[in-house]
């Protein structure tokens, strides 16, 4: 369970909620819950993961090219 406490007594509720939301996003709890919402065949899971690997590699190449072009 993710817990967020106030840094000091003057911290606003908005800041507290923002920090909580950021921690939830970083932990991946919400993404995991959404992925388990519907049944997905094992083959499609493999395909989705393979596509994600290719997408990350392309993004890394694109960033590398942009940095070399400077």
PDB file of N, CA and C in Angstrom:
ATOM      1  N   UNK A   1       0.839  -1.180   0.000  1.00  0.00           N
ATOM      2  CA  UNK A   1       0.000   0.000   0.000  1.00  0.00           C
ATOM      3  C   UNK A   1       0.884   1.243   0.000  1.00  0.00           C
ATOM      4  N   UNK A   2       0.503   2.204  -0.765  1.00  0.00           N
ATOM      5  CA  UNK A   2       1.281   3.436  -0.884  1.00  0.00           C
ATOM      6  C   UNK A   2       0.788   4.432   0.155  1.00  0.00           C
ATOM      7  N   UNK A   3       1.725   4.970   0.925  1.00  0.00           N
ATOM      8  CA  UNK A   3       1.370   5.946   1.940  1.00  0.00           C
ATOM      9  C   UNK A   3       2.176   7.210   1.718  1.00  0.00           C
ATOM     10  N   UNK A   4       1.493   8.336   1.883  1.00  0.00           N
ATOM     11  CA  UNK A   4       2.146   9.633   1.759  1.00  0.00           C
ATOM     12  C   UNK A   4       1.769  10.438   2.991  1.00  0.00           C
ATOM     13  N   UNK A   5       2.772  10.982   3.657  1.00  0.00           N
ATOM     14  CA  UNK A   5       2.502  11.813   4.832  1.00  0.00           C
ATOM     15  C   UNK A   5       2.884  13.254   4.526  1.00  0.00           C
ATOM     16  N   UNK A   6       2.318  14.148   5.287  1.00  0.00           N
ATOM     17  CA  UNK A   6       2.624  15.563   5.086  1.00  0.00           C
ATOM     18  C   UNK A   6       4.065  15.863   5.479  1.00  0.00           C
ATOM     19  N   UNK A   7       4.714  16.686   4.668  1.00  0.00           N
ATOM     20  CA  UNK A   7       6.095  17.069   4.979  1.00  0.00           C
ATOM     21  C   UNK A   7       6.117  17.976   6.207  1.00  0.00           C
ATOM     22  N   UNK A   8       5.175  18.890   6.256  1.00  0.00           N
ATOM     23  CA  UNK A   8       5.007  19.743   7.430  1.00  0.00           C
ATOM     24  C   UNK A   8       3.524  20.090   7.565  1.00  0.00           C
ATOM     25  N   UNK A   9       3.162  20.757   8.618  1.00  0.00           N
ATOM     26  CA  UNK A   9       1.743  21.036   8.875  1.00  0.00           C
ATOM     27  C   UNK A   9       1.157  22.043   7.880  1.00  0.00           C
ATOM     28  N   UNK A  10       2.015  22.778   7.186  1.00  0.00           N
ATOM     29  CA  UNK A  10       1.538  23.804   6.254  1.00  0.00           C
ATOM     30  C   UNK A  10       1.331  23.280   4.836  1.00  0.00           C
ATOM     31  N   UNK A  11       1.711  22.035   4.558  1.00  0.00           N
ATOM     32  CA  UNK A  11       1.578  21.500   3.191  1.00  0.00           C
ATOM     33  C   UNK A  11       0.105  21.364   2.818  1.00  0.00           C
ATOM     34  N   UNK A  12      -0.246  21.826   1.641  1.00  0.00           N
ATOM     35  CA  UNK A  12      -1.643  21.811   1.222  1.00  0.00           C
ATOM     36  C   UNK A  12      -2.069  20.415   0.787  1.00  0.00           C
ATOM     37  N   UNK A  13      -3.380  20.218   0.776  1.00  0.00           N
ATOM     38  CA  UNK A  13      -3.947  18.936   0.376  1.00  0.00           C
ATOM     39  C   UNK A  13      -3.657  18.678  -1.101  1.00  0.00           C
ATOM     40  N   UNK A  14      -3.653  19.722  -1.923  1.00  0.00           N
ATOM     41  CA  UNK A  14      -3.375  19.566  -3.348  1.00  0.00           C
ATOM     42  C   UNK A  14      -1.981  19.005  -3.583  1.00  0.00           C
ATOM     43  N   UNK A  15      -0.999  19.532  -2.847  1.00  0.00           N
ATOM     44  CA  UNK A  15       0.372  19.020  -2.982  1.00  0.00           C
ATOM     45  C   UNK A  15       0.459  17.573  -2.524  1.00  0.00           C
ATOM     46  N   UNK A  16      -0.257  17.255  -1.460  1.00  0.00           N
ATOM     47  CA  UNK A  16      -0.267  15.891  -0.943  1.00  0.00           C
ATOM     48  C   UNK A  16      -0.869  14.937  -1.968  1.00  0.00           C
ATOM     49  N   UNK A  17      -1.976  15.336  -2.582  1.00  0.00           N
ATOM     50  CA  UNK A  17      -2.608  14.512  -3.611  1.00  0.00           C
ATOM     51  C   UNK A  17      -1.715  14.355  -4.827  1.00  0.00           C
ATOM     52  N   UNK A  18      -1.018  15.407  -5.202  1.00  0.00           N
ATOM     53  CA  UNK A  18      -0.123  15.358  -6.354  1.00  0.00           C
ATOM     54  C   UNK A  18       1.016  14.367  -6.100  1.00  0.00           C
ATOM     55  N   UNK A  19       1.592  14.421  -4.901  1.00  0.00           N
ATOM     56  CA  UNK A  19       2.671  13.483  -4.564  1.00  0.00           C
ATOM     57  C   UNK A  19       2.163  12.049  -4.516  1.00  0.00           C
ATOM     58  N   UNK A  20       0.950  11.860  -3.970  1.00  0.00           N
ATOM     59  CA  UNK A  20       0.366  10.526  -3.920  1.00  0.00           C
ATOM     60  C   UNK A  20       0.140   9.978  -5.325  1.00  0.00           C
ATOM     61  N   UNK A  21      -0.430  10.809  -6.206  1.00  0.00           N
ATOM     62  CA  UNK A  21      -0.684  10.384  -7.584  1.00  0.00           C
ATOM     63  C   UNK A  21       0.603  10.016  -8.305  1.00  0.00           C
ATOM     64  N   UNK A  22       1.662  10.774  -8.079  1.00  0.00           N
ATOM     65  CA  UNK A  22       2.942  10.499  -8.699  1.00  0.00           C
ATOM     66  C   UNK A  22       3.511   9.164  -8.216  1.00  0.00           C
ATOM     67  N   UNK A  23       3.383   8.893  -6.920  1.00  0.00           N
ATOM     68  CA  UNK A  23       3.891   7.629  -6.377  1.00  0.00           C
ATOM     69  C   UNK A  23       3.104   6.445  -6.924  1.00  0.00           C
ATOM     70  N   UNK A  24       1.791   6.615  -7.079  1.00  0.00           N
ATOM     71  CA  UNK A  24       0.965   5.542  -7.628  1.00  0.00           C
ATOM     72  C   UNK A  24       1.378   5.262  -9.072  1.00  0.00           C
ATOM     73  N   UNK A  25       1.604   6.309  -9.865  1.00  0.00           N
ATOM     74  CA  UNK A  25       2.022   6.140 -11.251  1.00  0.00           C
ATOM     75  C   UNK A  25       3.373   5.437 -11.328  1.00  0.00           C
ATOM     76  N   UNK A  26       4.308   5.837 -10.496  1.00  0.00           N
ATOM     77  CA  UNK A  26       5.648   5.257 -10.532  1.00  0.00           C
ATOM     78  C   UNK A  26       5.665   3.806 -10.082  1.00  0.00           C
ATOM     79  N   UNK A  27       4.788   3.454  -9.167  1.00  0.00           N
ATOM     80  CA  UNK A  27       4.780   2.078  -8.658  1.00  0.00           C
ATOM     81  C   UNK A  27       4.183   1.108  -9.672  1.00  0.00           C
ATOM     82  N   UNK A  28       3.322   1.585 -10.565  1.00  0.00           N
ATOM     83  CA  UNK A  28       2.722   0.725 -11.576  1.00  0.00           C
ATOM     84  C   UNK A  28       1.520  -0.059 -11.087  1.00  0.00           C
ATOM     85  N   UNK A  29       1.010   0.261  -9.919  1.00  0.00           N
ATOM     86  CA  UNK A  29      -0.135  -0.454  -9.348  1.00  0.00           C
ATOM     87  C   UNK A  29      -1.362  -0.277 -10.234  1.00  0.00           C
ATOM     88  N   UNK A  30      -1.598   0.942 -10.670  1.00  0.00           N
ATOM     89  CA  UNK A  30      -2.783   1.236 -11.478  1.00  0.00           C
ATOM     90  C   UNK A  30      -2.713   0.547 -12.836  1.00  0.00           C
ATOM     91  N   UNK A  31      -1.551   0.570 -13.464  1.00  0.00           N
ATOM     92  CA  UNK A  31      -1.390  -0.084 -14.767  1.00  0.00           C
ATOM     93  C   UNK A  31      -1.595  -1.584 -14.646  1.00  0.00           C
ATOM     94  N   UNK A  32      -1.100  -2.169 -13.566  1.00  0.00           N
ATOM     95  CA  UNK A  32      -1.267  -3.599 -13.353  1.00  0.00           C
ATOM     96  C   UNK A  32      -2.731  -3.963 -13.139  1.00  0.00           C
ATOM     97  N   UNK A  33      -3.437  -3.132 -12.403  1.00  0.00           N
ATOM     98  CA  UNK A  33      -4.860  -3.378 -12.160  1.00  0.00           C
ATOM     99  C   UNK A  33      -5.659  -3.269 -13.453  1.00  0.00           C
ATOM    100  N   UNK A  34      -5.327  -2.281 -14.276  1.00  0.00           N
ATOM    101  CA  UNK A  34      -6.038  -2.117 -15.545  1.00  0.00           C
ATOM    102  C   UNK A  34      -5.739  -3.257 -16.506  1.00  0.00           C
ATOM    103  N   UNK A  35      -4.506  -3.768 -16.476  1.00  0.00           N
ATOM    104  CA  UNK A  35      -4.157  -4.853 -17.387  1.00  0.00           C
ATOM    105  C   UNK A  35      -4.896  -6.138 -17.018  1.00  0.00           C
ATOM    106  N   UNK A  36      -5.228  -6.304 -15.752  1.00  0.00           N
ATOM    107  CA  UNK A  36      -5.953  -7.494 -15.322  1.00  0.00           C
ATOM    108  C   UNK A  36      -7.454  -7.365 -15.408  1.00  0.00           C
ATOM    109  N   UNK A  37      -7.923  -6.262 -15.943  1.00  0.00           N
ATOM    110  CA  UNK A  37      -9.359  -6.003 -16.007  1.00  0.00           C
ATOM    111  C   UNK A  37     -10.067  -6.955 -16.973  1.00  0.00           C
ATOM    112  N   UNK A  38      -9.440  -7.265 -18.083  1.00  0.00           N
ATOM    113  CA  UNK A  38     -10.017  -8.147 -19.083  1.00  0.00           C
ATOM    114  C   UNK A  38      -9.058  -9.297 -19.346  1.00  0.00           C
ATOM    115  N   UNK A  39      -9.605 -10.438 -19.719  1.00  0.00           N
ATOM    116  CA  UNK A  39      -8.766 -11.581 -20.042  1.00  0.00           C
ATOM    117  C   UNK A  39      -8.064 -11.338 -21.365  1.00  0.00           C
ATOM    118  N   UNK A  40      -6.791 -11.681 -21.396  1.00  0.00           N
ATOM    119  CA  UNK A  40      -6.020 -11.533 -22.622  1.00  0.00           C
ATOM    120  C   UNK A  40      -5.318 -12.858 -22.895  1.00  0.00           C
ATOM    121  N   UNK A  41      -5.416 -13.336 -24.117  1.00  0.00           N
ATOM    122  CA  UNK A  41      -4.787 -14.602 -24.468  1.00  0.00           C
ATOM    123  C   UNK A  41      -3.272 -14.490 -24.304  1.00  0.00           C
ATOM    124  N   UNK A  42      -2.611 -15.571 -23.920  1.00  0.00           N
ATOM    125  CA  UNK A  42      -1.145 -15.522 -23.727  1.00  0.00           C
ATOM    126  C   UNK A  42      -0.396 -15.112 -24.997  1.00  0.00           C
ATOM    127  N   UNK A  43      -0.890 -15.527 -26.152  1.00  0.00           N
ATOM    128  CA  UNK A  43      -0.213 -15.164 -27.402  1.00  0.00           C
ATOM    129  C   UNK A  43      -0.263 -13.661 -27.620  1.00  0.00           C
ATOM    130  N   UNK A  44      -1.387 -13.044 -27.369  1.00  0.00           N
ATOM    131  CA  UNK A  44      -1.479 -11.606 -27.583  1.00  0.00           C
ATOM    132  C   UNK A  44      -0.621 -10.855 -26.564  1.00  0.00           C
ATOM    133  N   UNK A  45      -0.459 -11.416 -25.369  1.00  0.00           N
ATOM    134  CA  UNK A  45       0.435 -10.792 -24.392  1.00  0.00           C
ATOM    135  C   UNK A  45       1.859 -10.784 -24.917  1.00  0.00           C
ATOM    136  N   UNK A  46       2.281 -11.935 -25.495  1.00  0.00           N
ATOM    137  CA  UNK A  46       3.633 -12.028 -26.050  1.00  0.00           C
ATOM    138  C   UNK A  46       3.822 -11.027 -27.183  1.00  0.00           C
ATOM    139  N   UNK A  47       2.824 -10.935 -28.057  1.00  0.00           N
ATOM    140  CA  UNK A  47       2.906  -9.997 -29.178  1.00  0.00           C
ATOM    141  C   UNK A  47       3.021  -8.563 -28.674  1.00  0.00           C
ATOM    142  N   UNK A  48       2.213  -8.218 -27.675  1.00  0.00           N
ATOM    143  CA  UNK A  48       2.220  -6.857 -27.151  1.00  0.00           C
ATOM    144  C   UNK A  48       3.576  -6.531 -26.539  1.00  0.00           C
ATOM    145  N   UNK A  49       4.146  -7.479 -25.811  1.00  0.00           N
ATOM    146  CA  UNK A  49       5.467  -7.249 -25.207  1.00  0.00           C
ATOM    147  C   UNK A  49       6.544  -7.116 -26.269  1.00  0.00           C
ATOM    148  N   UNK A  50       6.465  -7.937 -27.310  1.00  0.00           N
ATOM    149  CA  UNK A  50       7.455  -7.857 -28.391  1.00  0.00           C
ATOM    150  C   UNK A  50       7.370  -6.509 -29.097  1.00  0.00           C
ATOM    151  N   UNK A  51       6.152  -6.044 -29.337  1.00  0.00           N
ATOM    152  CA  UNK A  51       5.975  -4.734 -29.976  1.00  0.00           C
ATOM    153  C   UNK A  51       6.517  -3.613 -29.094  1.00  0.00           C
ATOM    154  N   UNK A  52       6.343  -3.756 -27.785  1.00  0.00           N
ATOM    155  CA  UNK A  52       6.854  -2.745 -26.863  1.00  0.00           C
ATOM    156  C   UNK A  52       8.379  -2.694 -26.899  1.00  0.00           C
ATOM    157  N   UNK A  53       9.011  -3.845 -27.010  1.00  0.00           N
ATOM    158  CA  UNK A  53      10.477  -3.893 -27.098  1.00  0.00           C
ATOM    159  C   UNK A  53      10.956  -3.194 -28.360  1.00  0.00           C
ATOM    160  N   UNK A  54      10.294  -3.462 -29.475  1.00  0.00           N
ATOM    161  CA  UNK A  54      10.650  -2.825 -30.743  1.00  0.00           C
ATOM    162  C   UNK A  54      10.441  -1.317 -30.640  1.00  0.00           C
ATOM    163  N   UNK A  55       9.335  -0.909 -30.029  1.00  0.00           N
ATOM    164  CA  UNK A  55       9.021   0.511 -29.895  1.00  0.00           C
ATOM    165  C   UNK A  55      10.084   1.218 -29.054  1.00  0.00           C
ATOM    166  N   UNK A  56      10.505   0.592 -27.942  1.00  0.00           N
ATOM    167  CA  UNK A  56      11.548   1.195 -27.112  1.00  0.00           C
ATOM    168  C   UNK A  56      12.860   1.317 -27.865  1.00  0.00           C
ATOM    169  N   UNK A  57      13.204   0.306 -28.660  1.00  0.00           N
ATOM    170  CA  UNK A  57      14.453   0.330 -29.420  1.00  0.00           C
ATOM    171  C   UNK A  57      14.426   1.454 -30.457  1.00  0.00           C
ATOM    172  N   UNK A  58      13.288   1.593 -31.139  1.00  0.00           N
ATOM    173  CA  UNK A  58      13.162   2.673 -32.127  1.00  0.00           C
ATOM    174  C   UNK A  58      13.271   4.038 -31.475  1.00  0.00           C
ATOM    175  N   UNK A  59      12.657   4.182 -30.311  1.00  0.00           N
ATOM    176  CA  UNK A  59      12.711   5.456 -29.607  1.00  0.00           C
ATOM    177  C   UNK A  59      14.144   5.775 -29.192  1.00  0.00           C
ATOM    178  N   UNK A  60      14.882   4.764 -28.718  1.00  0.00           N
ATOM    179  CA  UNK A  60      16.273   4.961 -28.321  1.00  0.00           C
ATOM    180  C   UNK A  60      17.129   5.361 -29.529  1.00  0.00           C
ATOM    181  N   UNK A  61      16.893   4.720 -30.686  1.00  0.00           N
ATOM    182  CA  UNK A  61      17.628   5.082 -31.900  1.00  0.00           C
ATOM    183  C   UNK A  61      17.333   6.511 -32.308  1.00  0.00           C
ATOM    184  N   UNK A  62      16.080   6.888 -32.216  1.00  0.00           N
ATOM    185  CA  UNK A  62      15.672   8.249 -32.600  1.00  0.00           C
ATOM    186  C   UNK A  62      16.343   9.281 -31.701  1.00  0.00           C
ATOM    187  N   UNK A  63      16.386   9.005 -30.408  1.00  0.00           N
ATOM    188  CA  UNK A  63      17.023   9.924 -29.466  1.00  0.00           C
ATOM    189  C   UNK A  63      18.521  10.006 -29.735  1.00  0.00           C
ATOM    190  N   UNK A  64      19.123   8.858 -30.037  1.00  0.00           N
ATOM    191  CA  UNK A  64      20.565   8.832 -30.321  1.00  0.00           C
ATOM    192  C   UNK A  64      20.879   9.663 -31.565  1.00  0.00           C
ATOM    193  N   UNK A  65      20.040   9.546 -32.600  1.00  0.00           N
ATOM    194  CA  UNK A  65      20.246  10.316 -33.827  1.00  0.00           C
ATOM    195  C   UNK A  65      20.103  11.806 -33.572  1.00  0.00           C
ATOM    196  N   UNK A  66      19.124  12.182 -32.745  1.00  0.00           N
ATOM    197  CA  UNK A  66      18.930  13.588 -32.435  1.00  0.00           C
ATOM    198  C   UNK A  66      20.129  14.162 -31.685  1.00  0.00           C
ATOM    199  N   UNK A  67      20.699  13.372 -30.772  1.00  0.00           N
ATOM    200  CA  UNK A  67      21.847  13.838 -30.014  1.00  0.00           C
ATOM    201  C   UNK A  67      23.091  13.952 -30.904  1.00  0.00           C
ATOM    202  N   UNK A  68      23.233  13.054 -31.885  1.00  0.00           N
ATOM    203  CA  UNK A  68      24.386  13.121 -32.777  1.00  0.00           C
ATOM    204  C   UNK A  68      24.275  14.282 -33.746  1.00  0.00           C
ATOM    205  N   UNK A  69      23.063  14.720 -34.063  1.00  0.00           N
ATOM    206  CA  UNK A  69      22.854  15.783 -35.021  1.00  0.00           C
ATOM    207  C   UNK A  69      23.159  17.167 -34.492  1.00  0.00           C
ATOM    208  N   UNK A  70      23.414  17.301 -33.214  1.00  0.00           N
ATOM    209  CA  UNK A  70      23.649  18.633 -32.626  1.00  0.00           C
ATOM    210  C   UNK A  70      24.956  19.212 -32.990  1.00  0.00           C
TER     211      UNK A  70
END
